[in-house]
């Protein structure tokens, strides 16, 4: 792959990561309108699927039969629901740092799914990431360095789903080059829509422990007009942003993409400080530094190796044209 195409792909991932770093704020707006975290994920996923369909036409749903596509939808659904719920109900930076243990998960998943060799450096970054998380979460009164609340657990699980999402994207590009970035985006938000709407039935946080039904969910809406505008706006922005990121992920190695995506942490930290007054303490900074360093080391795993996209572009012209 030429240097210009590679830089274009990295720029696409950078812009997408910056946008993701700001999404927590409109999600909290939705929460203030009475929309739970799970329902917010489901509704924005539905809105994004609607925009993708209007943009591409019904043909975007013509997908090949492959287990990799529903696996991508499931991983993306776990990511969207876990991250959305976590940043609404938890401290944004702690949830995000736990989410960004994903480079460690990426290294392990790429080893088993993409057959990328996990060398001693790879094992080192997994240990470094876990040490960073332990440092951030450790407390003499809490015992084991585990997430302290459901929101932090949601961020941790979402990070694993995100790593699986990125690795499966590359796998689909390798095995199913005819699947376009818009179709992959459709799978991503379709998974979020299904899991989010399904999980909303069991989300008792905003109902005082009562099992919610659709009537009760609708009764909780305090500003339905603003909520509808936010859902449609987020759906449009996230759909366009994900197409951009899918374009980049298809052309950059998974571990290298994980480094570029660290821009999200910077944008989130600044916006959380400015808009929510959240200032991480010394342990959060130290643990976060270990997690960020592990992500940088993850990129070194691919040093000197051709990217999967380069392998695809060396194949026959018909396969190259299939990658839109």
Protein backbone atom coordinates (compact mmCIF):
# COMPACT_ATOMS: atom_id res chain seq x y z
CA UNK A 1 0.00 0.00 0.00
CA UNK A 2 1.34 3.45 -0.93
CA UNK A 3 2.34 5.92 1.77
CA UNK A 4 -0.42 8.32 0.68
CA UNK A 5 -3.13 5.66 1.03
CA UNK A 6 -1.76 4.62 4.41
CA UNK A 7 -1.74 8.19 5.72
CA UNK A 8 -5.29 8.69 4.42
CA UNK A 9 -6.38 5.58 6.32
CA UNK A 10 -4.66 6.77 9.50
CA UNK A 11 -6.28 10.20 9.14
CA UNK A 12 -9.70 8.56 8.80
CA UNK A 13 -9.14 6.61 12.03
CA UNK A 14 -7.87 9.75 13.80
CA UNK A 15 -10.93 11.82 12.87
CA UNK A 16 -13.22 8.96 13.87
CA UNK A 17 -11.48 8.58 17.24
CA UNK A 18 -11.80 12.31 17.95
CA UNK A 19 -15.54 12.16 17.24
CA UNK A 20 -15.91 9.12 19.51
CA UNK A 21 -14.12 11.06 22.24
CA UNK A 22 -16.98 13.58 22.29
CA UNK A 23 -19.97 11.23 22.06
CA UNK A 24 -20.26 10.80 25.84
CA UNK A 25 -21.65 14.34 26.17
CA UNK A 26 -24.75 14.02 23.93
CA UNK A 27 -25.29 10.57 25.48
CA UNK A 28 -25.56 12.23 28.88
CA UNK A 29 -28.00 14.71 27.36
CA UNK A 30 -30.08 11.74 26.33
CA UNK A 31 -29.89 10.37 29.87
CA UNK A 32 -31.14 13.74 31.19
CA UNK A 33 -34.14 13.32 28.86
CA UNK A 34 -35.00 10.00 30.52
CA UNK A 35 -33.38 7.69 27.95
CA UNK A 36 -31.44 4.85 29.61
CA UNK A 37 -27.97 3.89 28.44
CA UNK A 38 -29.12 0.64 26.87
CA UNK A 39 -32.05 2.26 25.09
CA UNK A 40 -29.81 5.10 23.87
CA UNK A 41 -27.50 2.54 22.26
CA UNK A 42 -30.44 0.74 20.65
CA UNK A 43 -32.13 3.88 19.32
CA UNK A 44 -28.96 5.48 17.93
CA UNK A 45 -28.13 2.13 16.31
CA UNK A 46 -31.55 2.04 14.64
CA UNK A 47 -31.13 5.64 13.46
CA UNK A 48 -27.68 4.85 12.04
CA UNK A 49 -29.05 1.79 10.18
CA UNK A 50 -31.82 3.99 8.75
CA UNK A 51 -29.34 6.56 7.45
CA UNK A 52 -27.07 3.88 5.96
CA UNK A 53 -30.07 2.33 4.17
CA UNK A 54 -31.26 5.70 2.83
CA UNK A 55 -27.72 6.51 1.71
CA UNK A 56 -26.95 3.21 -0.01
CA UNK A 57 -30.38 1.85 -0.90
CA UNK A 58 -31.85 -1.59 -0.10
CA UNK A 59 -28.93 -3.32 -1.84
CA UNK A 60 -26.76 -2.59 1.22
CA UNK A 61 -28.65 -5.45 2.95
CA UNK A 62 -27.52 -7.96 0.31
CA UNK A 63 -24.88 -9.64 2.41
CA UNK A 64 -23.08 -12.92 1.81
CA UNK A 65 -23.80 -15.79 4.16
CA UNK A 66 -20.90 -15.99 6.56
CA UNK A 67 -20.55 -16.51 10.32
CA UNK A 68 -18.07 -13.62 10.44
CA UNK A 69 -20.80 -11.00 9.83
CA UNK A 70 -23.10 -11.92 12.75
CA UNK A 71 -19.97 -12.27 14.90
CA UNK A 72 -19.05 -8.69 13.97
CA UNK A 73 -22.59 -7.53 14.80
CA UNK A 74 -22.47 -9.25 18.20
CA UNK A 75 -19.04 -7.83 19.08
CA UNK A 76 -20.09 -4.34 17.99
CA UNK A 77 -23.35 -4.63 19.92
CA UNK A 78 -21.49 -5.49 23.13
CA UNK A 79 -19.13 -2.56 22.48
CA UNK A 80 -21.88 -0.01 21.83
CA UNK A 81 -24.14 -1.05 24.69
CA UNK A 82 -21.31 -1.41 27.23
CA UNK A 83 -19.61 1.88 26.34
CA UNK A 84 -22.85 3.87 26.17
CA UNK A 85 -24.12 2.53 29.48
CA UNK A 86 -20.73 3.03 31.13
CA UNK A 87 -20.16 6.68 30.18
CA UNK A 88 -23.73 7.62 31.15
CA UNK A 89 -23.65 6.01 34.59
CA UNK A 90 -19.94 6.17 35.47
CA UNK A 91 -16.93 8.46 35.56
CA UNK A 92 -16.04 9.06 31.92
CA UNK A 93 -12.25 8.81 32.15
CA UNK A 94 -12.18 5.67 34.32
CA UNK A 95 -14.66 3.93 32.02
CA UNK A 96 -12.65 4.97 28.96
CA UNK A 97 -9.31 3.83 30.39
CA UNK A 98 -10.77 0.42 31.18
CA UNK A 99 -12.23 0.40 27.66
CA UNK A 100 -8.73 1.06 26.33
CA UNK A 101 -7.36 -2.14 27.71
CA UNK A 102 -8.47 -3.19 24.22
CA UNK A 103 -4.90 -3.16 22.76
CA UNK A 104 -4.04 -6.06 25.07
CA UNK A 105 -7.16 -7.93 23.97
CA UNK A 106 -6.35 -7.01 20.34
CA UNK A 107 -2.92 -8.63 20.59
CA UNK A 108 -4.40 -11.86 21.95
CA UNK A 109 -7.34 -11.98 19.52
CA UNK A 110 -5.17 -11.14 16.51
CA UNK A 111 -2.95 -14.06 17.50
CA UNK A 112 -5.82 -16.56 17.52
CA UNK A 113 -8.07 -15.15 14.76
CA UNK A 114 -5.64 -13.48 12.33
CA UNK A 115 -2.72 -15.79 13.11
CA UNK A 116 -0.49 -12.80 13.94
CA UNK A 117 2.50 -14.05 15.91
CA UNK A 118 2.46 -12.99 19.56
CA UNK A 119 6.13 -12.41 20.43
CA UNK A 120 7.60 -11.57 23.87
CA UNK A 121 6.74 -7.92 23.28
CA UNK A 122 3.12 -8.92 22.85
CA UNK A 123 3.07 -10.77 26.15
CA UNK A 124 4.77 -7.77 27.73
CA UNK A 125 2.10 -5.33 26.59
CA UNK A 126 -0.65 -7.57 27.97
CA UNK A 127 1.08 -7.59 31.37
CA UNK A 128 1.70 -3.82 31.21
CA UNK A 129 -1.94 -3.12 30.38
CA UNK A 130 -3.18 -5.26 33.24
CA UNK A 131 -0.69 -3.65 35.63
CA UNK A 132 -1.97 -0.23 34.56
CA UNK A 133 -5.56 -1.29 35.18
CA UNK A 134 -4.60 -2.76 38.56
CA UNK A 135 -2.81 0.43 39.56
CA UNK A 136 -5.80 2.53 38.57
CA UNK A 137 -8.33 0.30 40.33
CA UNK A 138 -6.37 -0.70 43.45
CA UNK A 139 -7.61 0.53 46.80
CA UNK A 140 -6.58 -0.75 50.25
CA UNK A 141 -10.24 -0.76 51.32
CA UNK A 142 -11.59 -2.58 48.25
CA UNK A 143 -9.12 -5.45 48.09
CA UNK A 144 -8.61 -6.93 44.63
CA UNK A 145 -8.06 -4.32 41.87
CA UNK A 146 -11.36 -4.96 40.10
CA UNK A 147 -13.82 -2.46 38.59
CA UNK A 148 -15.62 -0.74 41.46
CA UNK A 149 -19.10 -0.48 39.95
CA UNK A 150 -21.24 -1.77 37.05
CA UNK A 151 -20.27 1.20 34.85
CA UNK A 152 -16.59 0.27 35.07
CA UNK A 153 -17.38 -3.37 34.35
CA UNK A 154 -19.34 -2.19 31.31
CA UNK A 155 -16.31 -0.24 30.09
CA UNK A 156 -14.04 -3.27 30.54
CA UNK A 157 -16.38 -5.61 28.65
CA UNK A 158 -16.92 -2.98 25.94
CA UNK A 159 -13.15 -2.76 25.43
CA UNK A 160 -12.94 -6.49 24.81
CA UNK A 161 -15.83 -6.23 22.35
CA UNK A 162 -14.08 -3.33 20.63
CA UNK A 163 -10.88 -5.33 20.19
CA UNK A 164 -12.87 -8.25 18.77
CA UNK A 165 -14.71 -5.82 16.49
CA UNK A 166 -11.45 -4.48 15.03
CA UNK A 167 -9.93 -7.93 14.52
CA UNK A 168 -13.12 -9.27 12.91
CA UNK A 169 -13.19 -6.26 10.57
CA UNK A 170 -9.77 -7.23 9.23
CA UNK A 171 -10.83 -10.87 9.01
CA UNK A 172 -13.88 -9.93 6.96
CA UNK A 173 -11.75 -7.76 4.66
CA UNK A 174 -9.46 -10.75 4.12
CA UNK A 175 -12.16 -13.38 3.64
CA UNK A 176 -15.05 -11.28 2.23
CA UNK A 177 -13.57 -8.39 0.20
CA UNK A 178 -16.93 -7.86 -1.53
CA UNK A 179 -18.43 -6.57 1.75
CA UNK A 180 -18.20 -2.77 1.60
CA UNK A 181 -17.44 -0.38 4.52
CA UNK A 182 -21.10 0.67 4.53
CA UNK A 183 -22.22 -2.92 4.91
CA UNK A 184 -19.76 -3.48 7.75
CA UNK A 185 -21.10 -0.30 9.37
CA UNK A 186 -24.62 -1.67 8.97
CA UNK A 187 -23.56 -4.79 10.86
CA UNK A 188 -21.93 -2.69 13.59
CA UNK A 189 -25.00 -0.55 14.28
CA UNK A 190 -27.43 -3.38 13.64
CA UNK A 191 -25.78 -5.30 16.47
CA UNK A 192 -25.99 -2.22 18.71
CA UNK A 193 -29.67 -1.74 17.84
CA UNK A 194 -30.66 -5.34 18.58
CA UNK A 195 -28.63 -5.72 21.78
CA UNK A 196 -29.47 -2.21 23.01
CA UNK A 197 -33.24 -2.53 22.57
CA UNK A 198 -33.15 -6.04 24.02
CA UNK A 199 -31.09 -4.99 27.04
CA UNK A 200 -33.43 -2.03 27.69
CA UNK A 201 -36.00 -4.55 28.94
CA UNK A 202 -33.60 -5.58 31.72
CA UNK A 203 -32.09 -2.16 32.54
CA UNK A 204 -33.51 -1.42 35.99
CA UNK A 205 -31.11 1.40 36.91
CA UNK A 206 -33.48 4.22 35.94
CA UNK A 207 -36.61 2.47 37.21
CA UNK A 208 -35.59 2.01 40.83
CA UNK A 209 -35.09 -1.74 40.45
CA UNK A 210 -38.45 -2.41 38.79
CA UNK A 211 -38.53 -4.41 35.59
CA UNK A 212 -39.25 -1.85 32.85
CA UNK A 213 -41.83 -2.31 30.13
CA UNK A 214 -42.23 -0.18 27.05
CA UNK A 215 -45.01 1.85 28.67
CA UNK A 216 -42.80 2.65 31.65
CA UNK A 217 -39.82 3.38 29.40
CA UNK A 218 -41.88 5.91 27.43
CA UNK A 219 -43.29 7.47 30.60
CA UNK A 220 -39.74 8.23 31.78
CA UNK A 221 -39.11 10.55 28.81
CA UNK A 222 -39.05 14.10 30.12
CA UNK A 223 -38.24 15.86 26.84
CA UNK A 224 -39.24 13.52 24.01
CA UNK A 225 -38.69 16.17 21.30
CA UNK A 226 -35.09 16.84 22.34
CA UNK A 227 -34.49 13.10 22.80
CA UNK A 228 -35.70 12.40 19.24
CA UNK A 229 -33.44 15.14 17.83
CA UNK A 230 -30.44 13.80 19.75
CA UNK A 231 -31.10 10.22 18.63
CA UNK A 232 -31.39 11.20 14.95
CA UNK A 233 -28.38 13.52 15.15
CA UNK A 234 -26.21 10.94 16.88
CA UNK A 235 -27.34 8.25 14.49
CA UNK A 236 -26.32 10.33 11.47
CA UNK A 237 -22.97 11.41 12.92
CA UNK A 238 -22.06 7.93 14.15
CA UNK A 239 -23.07 6.30 10.85
CA UNK A 240 -20.88 8.65 8.80
CA UNK A 241 -18.07 8.41 11.35
CA UNK A 242 -18.12 4.62 11.40
CA UNK A 243 -17.97 4.38 7.61
CA UNK A 244 -14.88 6.59 7.84
CA UNK A 245 -13.29 4.41 10.50
CA UNK A 246 -14.19 1.18 8.67
CA UNK A 247 -12.40 2.59 5.62
CA UNK A 248 -9.28 3.12 7.71
CA UNK A 249 -9.42 -0.19 9.60
CA UNK A 250 -9.56 -2.11 6.34
CA UNK A 251 -6.21 -0.65 5.30
CA UNK A 252 -4.19 -0.56 8.54
CA UNK A 253 -3.00 -3.40 10.77
CA UNK A 254 -5.16 -3.92 13.85
CA UNK A 255 -2.40 -3.15 16.35
CA UNK A 256 -1.33 0.01 14.53
CA UNK A 257 -4.92 1.23 14.39
CA UNK A 258 -5.11 0.72 18.17
CA UNK A 259 -2.34 3.32 18.62
CA UNK A 260 -4.04 5.95 16.48
CA UNK A 261 -7.31 5.40 18.33
CA UNK A 262 -5.62 6.62 21.53
CA UNK A 263 -6.52 10.11 20.31
CA UNK A 264 -9.95 9.33 21.75
CA UNK A 265 -8.46 9.30 25.26
CA UNK A 266 -6.96 12.77 24.79
CA UNK A 267 -10.20 14.23 23.41
CA UNK A 268 -12.27 12.56 26.13
CA UNK A 269 -9.95 13.70 28.93
CA UNK A 270 -10.06 17.32 27.77
CA UNK A 271 -13.82 17.33 27.17
CA UNK A 272 -14.57 15.58 30.50
CA UNK A 273 -12.44 18.16 32.33
CA UNK A 274 -13.99 21.08 30.47
CA UNK A 275 -17.63 19.98 30.32
CA UNK A 276 -18.04 17.76 33.39
CA UNK A 277 -15.28 18.91 35.74
CA UNK A 278 -13.87 15.37 36.01
CA UNK A 279 -10.18 15.45 36.95
CA UNK A 280 -8.36 12.10 37.26
CA UNK A 281 -6.28 11.53 40.40
CA UNK A 282 -2.59 10.46 40.52
CA UNK A 283 -3.42 6.73 40.41
CA UNK A 284 -5.69 7.21 37.39
CA UNK A 285 -2.93 9.13 35.60
CA UNK A 286 -0.30 6.49 36.44
CA UNK A 287 -2.53 3.57 35.47
CA UNK A 288 -3.70 5.37 32.34
CA UNK A 289 -0.07 6.02 31.34
CA UNK A 290 0.66 2.28 31.55
CA UNK A 291 -2.39 1.49 29.41
CA UNK A 292 -1.44 4.12 26.81
CA UNK A 293 2.16 2.85 26.74
CA UNK A 294 0.91 -0.69 26.19
CA UNK A 295 -1.09 0.53 23.19
CA UNK A 296 2.03 2.14 21.73
CA UNK A 297 3.93 -1.10 22.19
CA UNK A 298 1.08 -2.93 20.46
CA UNK A 299 1.89 -1.03 17.29
CA UNK A 300 5.46 -2.29 17.43
CA UNK A 301 4.14 -5.85 17.06
CA UNK A 302 3.53 -5.10 13.39
CA UNK A 303 6.83 -3.33 12.81
CA UNK A 304 8.30 -4.41 9.52
CA UNK A 305 5.33 -6.58 8.55
CA UNK A 306 3.03 -5.83 5.60
CA UNK A 307 -0.48 -4.78 6.50
CA UNK A 308 -3.41 -7.06 5.69
CA UNK A 309 -4.67 -4.43 3.28
CA UNK A 310 -1.43 -4.60 1.37
CA UNK A 311 -1.90 -8.34 1.00
CA UNK A 312 -5.39 -7.74 -0.36
CA UNK A 313 -4.20 -5.16 -2.86
CA UNK A 314 -1.68 -7.61 -4.22
CA UNK A 315 -4.46 -10.01 -5.23
CA UNK A 316 -6.30 -10.16 -8.51
CA UNK A 317 -7.96 -6.95 -9.83
CA UNK A 318 -11.50 -8.24 -9.32
CA UNK A 319 -10.86 -8.58 -5.59
CA UNK A 320 -9.28 -5.14 -5.42
CA UNK A 321 -12.29 -3.51 -7.06
CA UNK A 322 -14.59 -5.20 -4.55
CA UNK A 323 -13.07 -3.12 -1.74
CA UNK A 324 -15.02 0.12 -1.98
